[in-house]
Amino acid sequence: DQMGGVFQLLDRWWYNSSRRYIRGNLTYEVPFFLTPYLRSWTKSVINERFYFGMLVMPGLNPYAEFGYGIGTKYFDIGVFLNNINGEFRDLGAKFTFHFN
């Protein structure tokens, strides 16, 4: 999974803005959570993932990111929502393709 363990919506400027930070990322993967209810449309879904990431540093206290994704044998797709200093700001998506 190319989406777990990293922040998807965090502006790259923040990565070099401080020498001190506390960071944590969690990914929970389950074979079927929501897709059994949509099985006629989602036959190729292998698993579903829930993403959570948190970053605490000067200027971002805290930054949190929440996501939901599905994986197939051909691609992964995820939708992410971030929360900066207690305010929801951005919604975004990421696609990754498998070339095996």
C-alpha atoms as a PDB file:
ATOM      1  CA  ASP A   1       0.000   0.000   0.000  1.00  0.00           C
ATOM      2  CA  GLN A   2       1.621   3.247  -1.170  1.00  0.00           C
ATOM      3  CA  MET A   3      -0.712   5.475   0.872  1.00  0.00           C
ATOM      4  CA  GLY A   4      -0.182   4.318   4.450  1.00  0.00           C
ATOM      5  CA  GLY A   5       2.405   5.854   6.745  1.00  0.00           C
ATOM      6  CA  VAL A   6       2.600   9.232   4.986  1.00  0.00           C
ATOM      7  CA  PHE A   7       0.548  12.421   4.891  1.00  0.00           C
ATOM      8  CA  GLN A   8      -1.317  12.879   1.610  1.00  0.00           C
ATOM      9  CA  LEU A   9      -2.586  16.466   1.956  1.00  0.00           C
ATOM     10  CA  LEU A  10       0.162  18.156   4.001  1.00  0.00           C
ATOM     11  CA  ASP A  11       1.854  21.001   2.133  1.00  0.00           C
ATOM     12  CA  ARG A  12       5.517  20.122   1.466  1.00  0.00           C
ATOM     13  CA  TRP A  13       6.589  23.418   3.029  1.00  0.00           C
ATOM     14  CA  TRP A  14       5.870  21.983   6.507  1.00  0.00           C
ATOM     15  CA  TYR A  15       8.348  19.110   6.110  1.00  0.00           C
ATOM     16  CA  ASN A  16      11.360  21.430   6.628  1.00  0.00           C
ATOM     17  CA  SER A  17       9.791  24.060   8.867  1.00  0.00           C
ATOM     18  CA  SER A  18      10.825  22.597  12.233  1.00  0.00           C
ATOM     19  CA  ARG A  19      13.452  20.314  13.722  1.00  0.00           C
ATOM     20  CA  ARG A  20      11.045  19.132  16.440  1.00  0.00           C
ATOM     21  CA  TYR A  21       7.837  17.226  15.857  1.00  0.00           C
ATOM     22  CA  ILE A  22       5.781  14.262  17.022  1.00  0.00           C
ATOM     23  CA  ARG A  23       4.227  12.149  14.295  1.00  0.00           C
ATOM     24  CA  GLY A  24       2.104   9.017  14.163  1.00  0.00           C
ATOM     25  CA  ASN A  25       0.334   7.101  11.421  1.00  0.00           C
ATOM     26  CA  LEU A  26      -2.104   4.190  11.609  1.00  0.00           C
ATOM     27  CA  THR A  27      -3.595   2.075   8.840  1.00  0.00           C
ATOM     28  CA  TYR A  28      -6.366  -0.429   9.513  1.00  0.00           C
ATOM     29  CA  GLU A  29      -6.976  -2.916   6.723  1.00  0.00           C
ATOM     30  CA  VAL A  30     -10.073  -5.088   6.594  1.00  0.00           C
ATOM     31  CA  PRO A  31     -11.198  -7.414   3.779  1.00  0.00           C
ATOM     32  CA  PHE A  32     -14.789  -6.152   3.697  1.00  0.00           C
ATOM     33  CA  PHE A  33     -16.341  -3.311   5.665  1.00  0.00           C
ATOM     34  CA  LEU A  34     -18.541  -1.222   3.373  1.00  0.00           C
ATOM     35  CA  THR A  35     -18.125  -3.095   0.083  1.00  0.00           C
ATOM     36  CA  PRO A  36     -20.326  -6.130   0.927  1.00  0.00           C
ATOM     37  CA  TYR A  37     -23.314  -3.802   0.673  1.00  0.00           C
ATOM     38  CA  LEU A  38     -22.183  -2.728  -2.811  1.00  0.00           C
ATOM     39  CA  ARG A  39     -20.969  -6.155  -3.940  1.00  0.00           C
ATOM     40  CA  SER A  40     -22.560  -6.006  -7.401  1.00  0.00           C
ATOM     41  CA  TRP A  41     -20.407  -2.940  -8.227  1.00  0.00           C
ATOM     42  CA  THR A  42     -17.317  -3.847  -6.236  1.00  0.00           C
ATOM     43  CA  LYS A  43     -16.528  -7.443  -7.231  1.00  0.00           C
ATOM     44  CA  SER A  44     -12.808  -6.763  -7.705  1.00  0.00           C
ATOM     45  CA  VAL A  45     -12.213  -5.080  -4.306  1.00  0.00           C
ATOM     46  CA  ILE A  46      -9.697  -7.078  -2.279  1.00  0.00           C
ATOM     47  CA  ASN A  47      -9.591  -4.930   0.859  1.00  0.00           C
ATOM     48  CA  GLU A  48     -10.585  -1.643   2.419  1.00  0.00           C
ATOM     49  CA  ARG A  49      -8.321   0.606   4.463  1.00  0.00           C
ATOM     50  CA  PHE A  50      -8.829   3.315   7.045  1.00  0.00           C
ATOM     51  CA  TYR A  51      -6.004   5.812   7.487  1.00  0.00           C
ATOM     52  CA  PHE A  52      -5.229   8.132  10.361  1.00  0.00           C
ATOM     53  CA  GLY A  53      -2.202  10.379  10.776  1.00  0.00           C
ATOM     54  CA  MET A  54      -1.344  13.024  13.332  1.00  0.00           C
ATOM     55  CA  LEU A  55       1.481  15.553  13.468  1.00  0.00           C
ATOM     56  CA  VAL A  56       2.263  17.985  16.287  1.00  0.00           C
ATOM     57  CA  MET A  57       4.854  20.691  15.693  1.00  0.00           C
ATOM     58  CA  PRO A  58       5.197  24.459  16.128  1.00  0.00           C
ATOM     59  CA  GLY A  59       2.576  26.087  13.879  1.00  0.00           C
ATOM     60  CA  LEU A  60       0.572  22.898  13.445  1.00  0.00           C
ATOM     61  CA  ASN A  61      -0.945  21.934  16.740  1.00  0.00           C
ATOM     62  CA  PRO A  62      -2.256  19.441  15.742  1.00  0.00           C
ATOM     63  CA  TYR A  63      -2.440  18.382  12.110  1.00  0.00           C
ATOM     64  CA  ALA A  64      -4.673  15.339  11.581  1.00  0.00           C
ATOM     65  CA  GLU A  65      -5.498  13.440   8.438  1.00  0.00           C
ATOM     66  CA  PHE A  66      -8.257  10.875   7.959  1.00  0.00           C
ATOM     67  CA  GLY A  67      -8.711   8.604   4.966  1.00  0.00           C
ATOM     68  CA  TYR A  68     -10.606   5.717   3.461  1.00  0.00           C
ATOM     69  CA  GLY A  69      -9.311   3.578   0.623  1.00  0.00           C
ATOM     70  CA  ILE A  70      -9.984   0.437  -1.354  1.00  0.00           C
ATOM     71  CA  GLY A  71      -7.531  -1.893  -3.004  1.00  0.00           C
ATOM     72  CA  THR A  72      -7.882  -4.171  -5.994  1.00  0.00           C
ATOM     73  CA  LYS A  73      -5.239  -6.234  -7.741  1.00  0.00           C
ATOM     74  CA  TYR A  74      -4.937  -3.471 -10.379  1.00  0.00           C
ATOM     75  CA  PHE A  75      -5.036  -0.225  -8.367  1.00  0.00           C
ATOM     76  CA  ASP A  76      -5.551   1.441  -4.974  1.00  0.00           C
ATOM     77  CA  ILE A  77      -7.659   4.535  -4.422  1.00  0.00           C
ATOM     78  CA  GLY A  78      -7.975   6.657  -1.291  1.00  0.00           C
ATOM     79  CA  VAL A  79      -9.913   9.740  -0.197  1.00  0.00           C
ATOM     80  CA  PHE A  80      -8.400  11.960   2.499  1.00  0.00           C
ATOM     81  CA  LEU A  81      -9.601  14.808   4.714  1.00  0.00           C
ATOM     82  CA  ASN A  82      -7.284  16.943   6.818  1.00  0.00           C
ATOM     83  CA  ASN A  83      -7.746  18.997   9.947  1.00  0.00           C
ATOM     84  CA  ILE A  84      -5.307  21.857  10.596  1.00  0.00           C
ATOM     85  CA  ASN A  85      -5.362  23.454  14.063  1.00  0.00           C
ATOM     86  CA  GLY A  86      -8.906  22.176  14.685  1.00  0.00           C
ATOM     87  CA  GLU A  87     -10.362  23.228  11.323  1.00  0.00           C
ATOM     88  CA  PHE A  88     -11.169  20.930   8.381  1.00  0.00           C
ATOM     89  CA  ARG A  89      -9.420  22.386   5.339  1.00  0.00           C
ATOM     90  CA  ASP A  90      -8.802  20.050   2.413  1.00  0.00           C
ATOM     91  CA  LEU A  91     -10.294  17.001   0.770  1.00  0.00           C
ATOM     92  CA  GLY A  92      -8.250  15.053  -1.739  1.00  0.00           C
ATOM     93  CA  ALA A  93      -7.811  11.705  -3.454  1.00  0.00           C
ATOM     94  CA  LYS A  94      -4.880   9.563  -4.515  1.00  0.00           C
ATOM     95  CA  PHE A  95      -4.688   6.762  -7.086  1.00  0.00           C
ATOM     96  CA  THR A  96      -1.886   4.241  -7.390  1.00  0.00           C
ATOM     97  CA  PHE A  97      -1.661   1.621 -10.111  1.00  0.00           C
ATOM     98  CA  HIS A  98      -0.040  -1.846  -9.887  1.00  0.00           C
ATOM     99  CA  PHE A  99       2.150  -2.881 -12.800  1.00  0.00           C
ATOM    100  CA  ASN A 100       2.889  -6.533 -12.028  1.00  0.00           C
END
